[in-house]
Protein backbone atom coordinates (compact mmCIF):
# COMPACT_ATOMS: atom_id res chain seq x y z
CA MET A 1 75.44 78.55 90.25
CA ASN A 2 76.95 75.23 89.67
CA GLY A 3 79.32 73.40 87.43
CA ARG A 4 82.86 74.15 86.77
CA ALA A 5 82.59 77.06 84.69
CA THR A 6 80.66 78.99 87.38
CA SER A 7 83.43 78.72 89.82
CA VAL A 8 85.91 81.73 88.89
CA PHE A 9 88.57 83.76 90.13
CA ALA A 10 90.00 87.12 89.45
CA HIS A 11 92.93 89.36 90.30
CA LEU A 12 90.95 92.57 91.57
CA THR A 13 94.06 94.77 92.61
CA ALA A 14 95.91 96.67 90.12
CA PRO A 15 98.77 94.95 88.28
CA GLY A 16 102.32 95.79 89.15
CA ARG A 17 104.10 95.58 92.29
CA GLY A 18 102.20 96.58 95.59
CA GLY A 19 102.10 95.64 99.26
CA ILE A 20 99.04 93.13 99.04
CA ALA A 21 97.01 91.66 96.20
CA VAL A 22 93.53 90.63 96.28
CA ILE A 23 92.22 87.38 94.50
CA ARG A 24 88.57 87.14 94.84
CA CYS A 25 87.12 83.57 93.99
CA THR A 26 83.39 82.71 93.80
CA GLY A 27 81.43 79.41 93.08
CA PRO A 28 80.61 76.09 94.43
CA ARG A 29 84.05 74.41 94.06
CA VAL A 30 85.84 77.28 95.70
CA ALA A 31 85.49 75.80 99.28
CA GLY A 32 86.85 72.27 98.22
CA THR A 33 89.86 74.07 96.26
CA LEU A 34 90.97 75.94 99.26
CA LYS A 35 90.69 73.09 101.36
CA ALA A 36 93.17 71.41 98.92
CA CYS A 37 95.72 74.28 98.76
CA PHE A 38 95.47 76.36 102.06
CA ARG A 39 97.56 75.40 104.88
CA PRO A 40 96.20 77.33 107.96
CA GLY A 41 98.69 78.82 110.38
CA GLY A 42 96.86 78.17 113.51
CA ARG A 43 93.39 76.69 114.70
CA GLY A 44 89.92 77.56 112.98
CA ASP A 45 87.95 76.36 110.10
CA VAL A 46 89.26 76.18 106.59
CA PRO A 47 87.72 77.94 104.63
CA PRO A 48 86.96 80.24 107.49
CA ALA A 49 83.12 81.21 108.35
CA LEU A 50 81.29 83.94 106.64
CA GLY A 51 82.78 87.27 107.38
CA CYS A 52 86.07 85.64 109.23
CA LEU A 53 89.68 85.78 108.45
CA ALA A 54 92.34 82.88 108.60
CA TYR A 55 96.08 83.14 108.32
CA GLY A 56 98.11 80.78 106.65
CA HIS A 57 99.95 79.86 103.50
CA VAL A 58 99.07 78.62 99.75
CA VAL A 59 100.70 75.58 99.16
CA ASP A 60 101.44 73.60 95.76
CA ALA A 61 100.50 69.78 95.03
CA ASP A 62 103.80 68.72 96.80
CA GLY A 63 102.96 70.99 100.15
CA ARG A 64 105.59 73.49 99.29
CA VAL A 65 104.57 76.94 100.19
CA LEU A 66 103.87 79.21 97.34
CA ASP A 67 102.86 82.26 99.33
CA GLU A 68 101.74 83.62 102.91
CA VAL A 69 98.02 84.61 102.60
CA ILE A 70 95.02 85.75 104.61
CA LEU A 71 91.71 84.41 103.46
CA HIS A 72 88.39 86.27 103.91
CA ARG A 73 85.14 84.59 103.50
CA ALA A 74 83.10 87.45 101.67
CA GLY A 75 79.96 85.51 101.00
CA PRO A 76 78.18 82.27 101.22
CA ALA A 77 80.32 81.02 98.02
CA THR A 78 82.80 83.91 97.69
CA TRP A 79 86.23 84.21 99.29
CA GLU A 80 89.23 86.60 99.07
CA VAL A 81 92.74 85.48 99.12
CA ASN A 82 94.89 88.24 100.32
CA CYS A 83 98.58 87.69 98.90
CA HIS A 84 101.93 89.48 98.47
CA GLY A 85 101.38 92.10 95.85
CA GLY A 86 104.29 91.23 93.57
CA PRO A 87 103.53 89.53 90.15
CA VAL A 88 105.36 86.55 91.01
CA ALA A 89 103.48 85.83 94.18
CA VAL A 90 100.30 86.61 92.49
CA GLU A 91 100.73 84.56 89.38
CA ALA A 92 102.01 81.51 91.59
CA VAL A 93 98.61 81.60 93.62
CA CYS A 94 96.29 82.20 90.71
CA ASP A 95 98.24 79.26 88.73
CA ARG A 96 97.51 77.03 91.84
CA LEU A 97 94.05 77.94 91.87
CA ALA A 98 93.57 77.44 88.29
CA SER A 99 95.26 73.94 88.64
CA LEU A 100 92.52 72.92 91.01
CA GLY A 101 89.80 73.67 88.48
CA LEU A 102 88.84 77.37 89.24
CA VAL A 103 88.57 79.32 85.78
CA ARG A 104 90.31 82.73 85.84
CA VAL A 105 88.39 85.51 84.32
CA ASP A 106 88.59 89.41 84.48
CA PRO A 107 87.01 91.36 87.44
CA GLY A 108 83.79 92.35 85.51
CA ALA A 109 83.00 88.69 84.52
CA LEU A 110 83.59 87.54 88.21
CA LEU A 111 81.07 90.54 89.52
CA ALA A 112 78.59 89.10 86.83
CA ALA A 113 79.02 85.63 88.17
CA GLU A 114 78.44 86.74 91.75
CA GLY A 115 75.14 88.37 90.42
CA ALA A 116 76.40 92.06 90.82
CA GLY A 117 74.47 94.60 88.61
CA PRO A 118 75.89 97.12 86.17
CA VAL A 119 76.22 99.85 88.69
CA GLU A 120 78.12 97.75 91.21
CA ARG A 121 80.23 96.58 88.40
CA ALA A 122 81.08 100.01 87.27
CA ALA A 123 81.99 101.03 91.11
CA ARG A 124 84.09 98.13 91.43
CA ARG A 125 85.79 98.56 88.18
CA LEU A 126 86.92 101.96 89.34
CA LEU A 127 87.80 101.07 92.68
CA GLN A 128 90.67 99.02 91.40
CA THR A 129 92.36 102.18 90.47
CA ALA A 130 91.05 104.58 93.06
CA ALA A 131 93.87 106.96 93.83
CA THR A 132 92.68 108.77 96.78
CA PRO A 133 90.67 108.04 99.86
CA LEU A 134 88.07 110.50 98.93
CA ALA A 135 87.63 108.99 95.39
CA ALA A 136 87.22 105.59 97.06
CA ARG A 137 84.62 106.80 99.34
CA ILE A 138 82.35 108.18 96.54
CA LEU A 139 82.60 104.99 94.72
CA LEU A 140 81.85 102.98 97.66
CA ASP A 141 78.66 105.03 98.33
CA GLN A 142 77.58 104.10 94.77
CA LEU A 143 78.68 100.48 95.57
CA ASN A 144 76.41 100.65 98.60
CA GLY A 145 73.36 101.85 96.79
CA ALA A 146 73.39 105.46 96.68
CA LEU A 147 72.66 105.66 92.82
CA GLU A 148 69.97 103.13 93.26
CA GLU A 149 68.26 105.04 95.92
CA ALA A 150 68.34 108.15 94.02
CA VAL A 151 66.66 106.40 91.17
CA ALA A 152 63.97 105.06 93.34
CA GLN A 153 63.22 108.26 94.96
CA MET A 154 62.94 109.81 91.33
CA ASP A 155 60.51 107.03 90.50
CA ASP A 156 58.34 107.70 93.66
CA ALA A 157 58.05 111.36 92.93
CA LEU A 158 57.01 110.69 89.25
CA ALA A 159 54.49 108.08 90.63
CA ALA A 160 53.18 110.40 93.09
CA GLY A 161 52.77 113.29 90.26
CA ARG A 162 55.82 115.29 91.58
CA PRO A 163 57.51 115.88 88.28
CA ASP A 164 59.54 119.14 89.52
CA GLU A 165 60.73 117.06 92.28
CA ALA A 166 62.29 114.25 89.69
CA ALA A 167 63.40 116.89 87.44
CA GLY A 168 65.60 118.66 90.16
CA ALA A 169 66.90 115.48 91.01
CA ILE A 170 67.99 114.64 87.57
CA ASP A 171 69.57 118.14 87.25
CA THR A 172 71.62 117.43 90.44
CA LEU A 173 73.07 113.89 89.27
CA LEU A 174 74.00 115.48 85.79
CA ALA A 175 75.67 118.32 87.53
CA ARG A 176 77.58 115.99 89.75
CA TRP A 177 78.58 114.16 86.84
CA ARG A 178 80.17 117.51 85.34
CA THR A 179 81.82 118.34 88.68
CA CYS A 180 82.88 115.04 90.00
CA GLY A 181 81.85 111.70 88.25
CA ARG A 182 83.59 112.17 85.14
CA TYR A 183 86.78 112.71 86.94
CA LEU A 184 86.28 109.56 88.59
CA ALA A 185 86.05 107.72 85.54
CA GLU A 186 89.07 109.49 84.04
CA ALA A 187 91.46 111.56 86.06
CA PRO A 188 92.02 114.87 84.35
CA ARG A 189 95.57 115.70 82.94
CA LEU A 190 97.18 118.75 84.01
CA VAL A 191 100.00 119.47 81.75
CA ILE A 192 102.82 121.68 83.20
CA ALA A 193 104.28 123.74 80.27
CA GLY A 194 106.67 126.53 79.89
CA ARG A 195 110.01 127.53 78.39
CA PRO A 196 113.07 125.48 79.57
CA ASN A 197 114.48 125.55 83.05
CA VAL A 198 111.35 127.65 84.59
CA GLY A 199 111.07 125.02 87.28
CA LYS A 200 108.42 122.60 85.58
CA SER A 201 109.97 119.31 86.88
CA THR A 202 110.50 120.93 90.22
CA LEU A 203 106.66 122.12 90.27
CA LEU A 204 105.68 118.19 89.29
CA ASN A 205 107.61 116.67 91.93
CA ARG A 206 106.46 119.26 94.80
CA LEU A 207 102.79 118.94 93.73
CA ALA A 208 103.27 115.07 93.41
CA GLY A 209 104.98 115.06 96.82
CA HIS A 210 107.87 112.76 95.55
CA GLU A 211 110.74 112.83 93.07
CA ARG A 212 109.28 111.71 89.88
CA ALA A 213 110.97 113.97 87.11
CA ILE A 214 114.68 114.73 87.13
CA THR A 215 115.65 118.37 87.84
CA HIS A 216 118.77 120.07 86.87
CA ALA A 217 119.97 123.87 86.26
CA GLU A 218 120.79 122.96 82.90
CA PRO A 219 117.92 123.98 80.35
CA GLY A 220 116.37 121.20 78.58
CA THR A 221 116.67 118.40 80.96
CA THR A 222 113.23 117.23 80.12
CA ARG A 223 113.09 115.93 76.48
CA ASP A 224 109.93 113.74 76.75
CA TYR A 225 106.88 114.09 78.77
CA VAL A 226 106.83 112.53 82.25
CA GLU A 227 103.51 111.92 84.31
CA THR A 228 102.53 111.03 87.65
CA VAL A 229 99.35 110.77 89.79
CA ALA A 230 98.59 113.59 92.82
CA ALA A 231 95.67 114.59 94.60
CA PHE A 232 94.10 117.94 94.49
CA ASP A 233 91.79 118.06 97.57
CA GLY A 234 91.14 114.53 97.28
CA LEU A 235 90.71 114.54 93.48
CA PRO A 236 93.06 112.10 91.62
CA VAL A 237 94.81 114.05 88.81
CA VAL A 238 97.36 113.13 86.50
CA LEU A 239 100.32 115.50 86.29
CA VAL A 240 102.35 115.75 83.29
CA ASP A 241 105.77 117.43 82.82
CA THR A 242 106.66 118.26 79.45
CA ALA A 243 110.02 119.35 77.42
CA GLY A 244 110.49 123.31 77.31
CA LEU A 245 108.58 125.29 74.73
CA ARG A 246 110.87 127.23 72.66
CA GLU A 247 112.52 127.29 69.12
CA ALA A 248 114.30 123.77 69.04
CA VAL A 249 117.67 123.62 68.04
CA GLY A 250 117.90 119.81 67.31
CA ARG A 251 115.80 117.03 66.27
CA VAL A 252 115.69 115.34 69.48
CA GLU A 253 114.47 118.59 71.01
CA ARG A 254 112.04 119.46 68.22
CA GLU A 255 110.48 115.98 68.94
CA GLY A 256 110.23 116.76 72.57
CA VAL A 257 108.68 120.12 71.97
CA ALA A 258 106.06 118.59 69.52
CA ARG A 259 105.22 116.03 72.08
CA ALA A 260 104.87 118.73 74.76
CA ARG A 261 102.41 120.63 72.55
CA HIS A 262 100.43 117.20 71.84
CA GLN A 263 100.14 116.66 75.51
CA ALA A 264 99.00 120.21 76.12
CA SER A 265 96.18 120.31 73.43
CA ALA A 266 94.65 117.21 74.89
CA ALA A 267 94.90 118.37 78.66
CA ALA A 268 91.88 119.25 80.92
CA LEU A 269 94.04 122.27 82.02
CA VAL A 270 97.52 123.58 81.15
CA VAL A 271 99.53 125.33 84.13
CA TYR A 272 101.87 127.53 82.04
CA LEU A 273 105.12 128.61 84.19
CA LEU A 274 106.52 131.91 83.64
CA ASP A 275 110.01 132.94 85.23
CA ALA A 276 109.43 135.71 87.66
CA GLU A 277 113.26 136.70 87.23
CA VAL A 278 113.23 137.38 83.61
CA GLY A 279 109.55 138.07 82.66
CA ALA A 280 107.61 136.73 79.63
CA THR A 281 109.76 136.35 76.48
CA ASP A 282 109.00 135.98 72.88
CA ASP A 283 108.82 132.18 73.33
CA ASP A 284 106.23 132.71 76.21
CA GLU A 285 104.23 134.70 73.95
CA ALA A 286 104.38 132.29 70.96
CA ALA A 287 103.48 129.37 73.31
CA LEU A 288 100.67 131.07 75.00
CA ALA A 289 99.33 132.31 71.69
CA HIS A 290 99.26 128.42 70.60
CA LEU A 291 97.47 127.57 73.61
CA GLY A 292 94.82 130.07 72.98
CA MET A 293 95.89 133.28 74.63
CA PRO A 294 96.15 136.19 72.42
CA ARG A 295 99.78 137.65 71.68
CA GLY A 296 100.30 140.41 74.34
CA GLY A 297 97.84 138.96 76.78
CA SER A 298 100.55 137.66 79.00
CA PRO A 299 101.62 139.64 82.22
CA HIS A 300 105.10 141.29 82.20
CA PRO A 301 106.76 141.74 85.38
CA PRO A 302 109.98 143.71 85.57
CA ARG A 303 113.15 142.01 84.15
CA HIS A 304 115.32 141.97 87.26
CA THR A 305 116.54 139.77 89.86
CA GLY A 306 116.70 139.97 93.59
CA ILE A 307 114.91 138.66 96.58
CA ALA A 308 111.38 140.16 96.99
CA SER A 309 109.93 140.78 100.49
CA LYS A 310 107.41 138.43 101.53
CA ASP A 311 104.78 141.22 102.04
CA ALA A 312 105.28 142.37 98.49
CA VAL A 313 104.70 138.76 96.88
CA GLY A 314 101.99 138.23 99.27
CA ALA A 315 100.16 141.22 98.27
CA GLU A 316 100.49 140.67 94.77
CA THR A 317 99.21 136.99 95.16
CA HIS A 318 96.30 138.44 97.33
CA ARG A 319 95.44 141.12 94.57
CA ALA A 320 95.51 138.44 91.87
CA ARG A 321 92.95 136.43 93.60
CA HIS A 322 90.43 139.01 93.35
CA LEU A 323 90.83 139.91 89.53
CA SER A 324 89.31 138.22 86.53
CA ALA A 325 91.84 135.73 85.26
CA GLY A 326 89.69 135.63 82.16
CA LYS A 327 90.97 138.95 81.00
CA VAL A 328 94.33 137.69 80.78
CA GLN A 329 94.35 133.84 80.33
CA ALA A 330 92.35 131.33 77.82
CA GLU A 331 90.00 129.21 80.05
CA ARG A 332 92.19 126.21 79.76
CA VAL A 333 95.39 127.78 80.60
CA LEU A 334 96.52 128.75 84.05
CA ALA A 335 99.47 130.82 84.23
CA ALA A 336 101.79 131.11 87.23
CA TRP A 337 105.02 133.10 88.06
CA ASN A 338 107.62 130.64 89.46
CA LYS A 339 110.62 131.55 91.39
CA ALA A 340 108.50 134.48 92.87
CA ASP A 341 110.76 134.31 95.75
CA LEU A 342 113.46 135.50 93.59
CA ALA A 343 111.54 138.37 92.22
CA SER A 344 112.61 141.90 93.61
CA GLY A 345 109.36 143.81 93.07
CA PRO A 346 105.78 143.51 92.28
CA LEU A 347 104.98 140.86 89.60
CA GLY A 348 103.87 143.19 86.99
CA PRO A 349 100.30 143.36 85.82
CA PRO A 350 98.20 140.83 87.74
CA GLY A 351 96.53 137.79 86.15
CA ALA A 352 98.97 135.14 87.13
CA LEU A 353 99.48 133.31 90.38
CA ALA A 354 102.79 134.00 92.28
CA VAL A 355 104.30 130.63 93.20
CA SER A 356 107.52 129.10 94.15
CA ALA A 357 108.00 125.37 92.96
CA LEU A 358 111.34 125.29 95.18
CA THR A 359 109.63 126.41 98.62
CA GLY A 360 106.11 125.50 97.94
CA ALA A 361 104.96 129.04 98.36
CA GLY A 362 101.62 129.68 96.50
CA LEU A 363 100.77 126.03 95.58
CA ASP A 364 97.72 125.90 97.85
CA ASP A 365 96.29 128.81 95.39
CA LEU A 366 97.46 126.92 92.36
CA ARG A 367 95.55 123.89 93.57
CA ARG A 368 92.43 125.94 94.34
CA GLN A 369 92.61 127.75 90.99
CA ALA A 370 93.14 124.61 89.18
CA LEU A 371 90.01 122.90 90.71
CA ALA A 372 87.97 125.95 89.86
CA ARG A 373 88.88 125.89 86.37
CA LEU A 374 87.97 122.09 86.32
CA ALA A 375 84.57 123.26 87.97
CA TYR A 376 85.38 120.17 90.58
CA ARG A 377 83.10 119.86 93.52
CA ALA A 378 83.30 116.88 95.94
CA PRO A 379 79.66 115.60 96.86
CA SER A 380 78.59 114.99 100.57
CA ALA A 381 78.97 111.65 102.08
CA GLY A 382 76.49 109.31 100.83
CA ALA A 383 75.43 111.32 97.53
CA ALA A 384 74.74 109.49 94.57
CA VAL A 385 76.90 110.16 91.56
CA PRO A 386 76.75 108.85 87.85
CA LEU A 387 80.03 107.18 87.17
CA THR A 388 79.83 106.25 83.31
CA GLU A 389 78.72 108.00 79.97
CA GLY A 390 76.05 105.21 79.69
CA GLN A 391 74.37 106.32 82.86
CA VAL A 392 74.71 109.98 82.06
CA LYS A 393 72.70 109.19 78.51
CA VAL A 394 70.11 107.72 80.44
CA LEU A 395 69.78 110.62 82.73
CA ARG A 396 69.60 112.99 79.63
CA ASP A 397 66.98 110.93 77.88
CA ALA A 398 64.90 111.03 80.96
CA GLN A 399 65.36 114.68 81.21
CA ALA A 400 64.25 115.08 77.63
CA ALA A 401 61.02 113.07 78.37
CA MET A 402 60.43 115.23 81.51
CA GLU A 403 60.97 118.49 79.30
CA SER A 404 58.30 116.84 76.88
CA GLY A 405 55.91 116.11 79.89
CA GLU A 406 56.04 112.44 79.30
CA ALA A 407 56.31 111.40 82.80
CA ASP A 408 55.61 107.71 82.38
CA THR A 409 58.41 107.79 79.57
CA ALA A 410 60.66 109.27 82.05
CA ARG A 411 59.85 106.36 84.54
CA ARG A 412 60.52 103.65 81.85
CA VAL A 413 63.93 105.23 81.04
CA LEU A 414 65.15 105.88 84.55
CA GLY A 415 64.39 102.11 85.32
CA ALA A 416 67.20 101.49 82.58
CA LEU A 417 69.75 103.50 84.28
CA LEU A 418 70.19 100.52 86.93
CA ARG A 419 70.95 98.38 83.78
CA VAL A 420 73.81 100.53 82.30
CA GLY A 421 77.18 100.04 83.52
């Protein structure tokens, strides 16, 4: 690289407030730029040697401190400036770098300037928003060459006359896309639906691990949908709390119900909460029918109140695990009896989970069943996982060539996989 246009930088971390932000710079002008604006806090080379760190401050043209930073030299012509994560600090550092001649670009353009291939760029792009350590680990595996190695092994198998081996490897990669990769590309949306005051907001807060939604005993507290990110066994999921589904009585509530139904229609999975104290109402039947469950298909517990014994609730939950939920629920709908700790008897015909959003009882079962409905499976460490629709299309094209007995065509098609982001 040479010239001003190839000395670039990009803000890699997600926008918004955070503990730290990473600004990555690459190109022949970066070393001189950092010498001009970085004031070291101790001894050492500035910029630091390859692989080393240096603490100090970025200063303006008059020597005034803009922010406290740590420099990391990531490559021969690549440095990372780690500054405070607030937008004011990030923009101050970025403006200073730009004033000294570096060109601000988006993260994809920076990676291209570094010579990163499409697979690496796709992995790095998704890493910016990876919400769990497991998601980051899977993406880092691809960044470190897992997908490239899988392609090389398939090519070797085809070249050696072992088409069945290559075909099996393609099947494995496509399966990993269905069970994992597509969820890393876009986190699944899990909509929590049900009548007003059945505990939807309490459940969202409990699953998320923090108070995201307002809860109140008065029905109808939630008028618009609220969303947050949670982790189910390491999988990032977007939880969506919605307005209560019932025959709305006012314009604002009608709009809230309409938005709730729209969210449910686009969800990967709907968790429909039923009230274990009062049973399934006509509003529940209508909402479940709208979601694809036939009328009369919802379970009906006795309409009474009281405190159930732990043995009664536990036995019913255990029995529900071993019966086919498909006999009662549509595939996209996971029904759950909330307030199971307040039910005084068995929770009626099985087919729904027994949970308590207030105490947390039964939520591990809910998470497991949600993941089963999504058909999610985490791959083993180091496994290759496709990350984009483009990569999946190449694999399907190669699969079609294999099924037609065209091994040479399959090799050419697979070679394109590493050129697809």
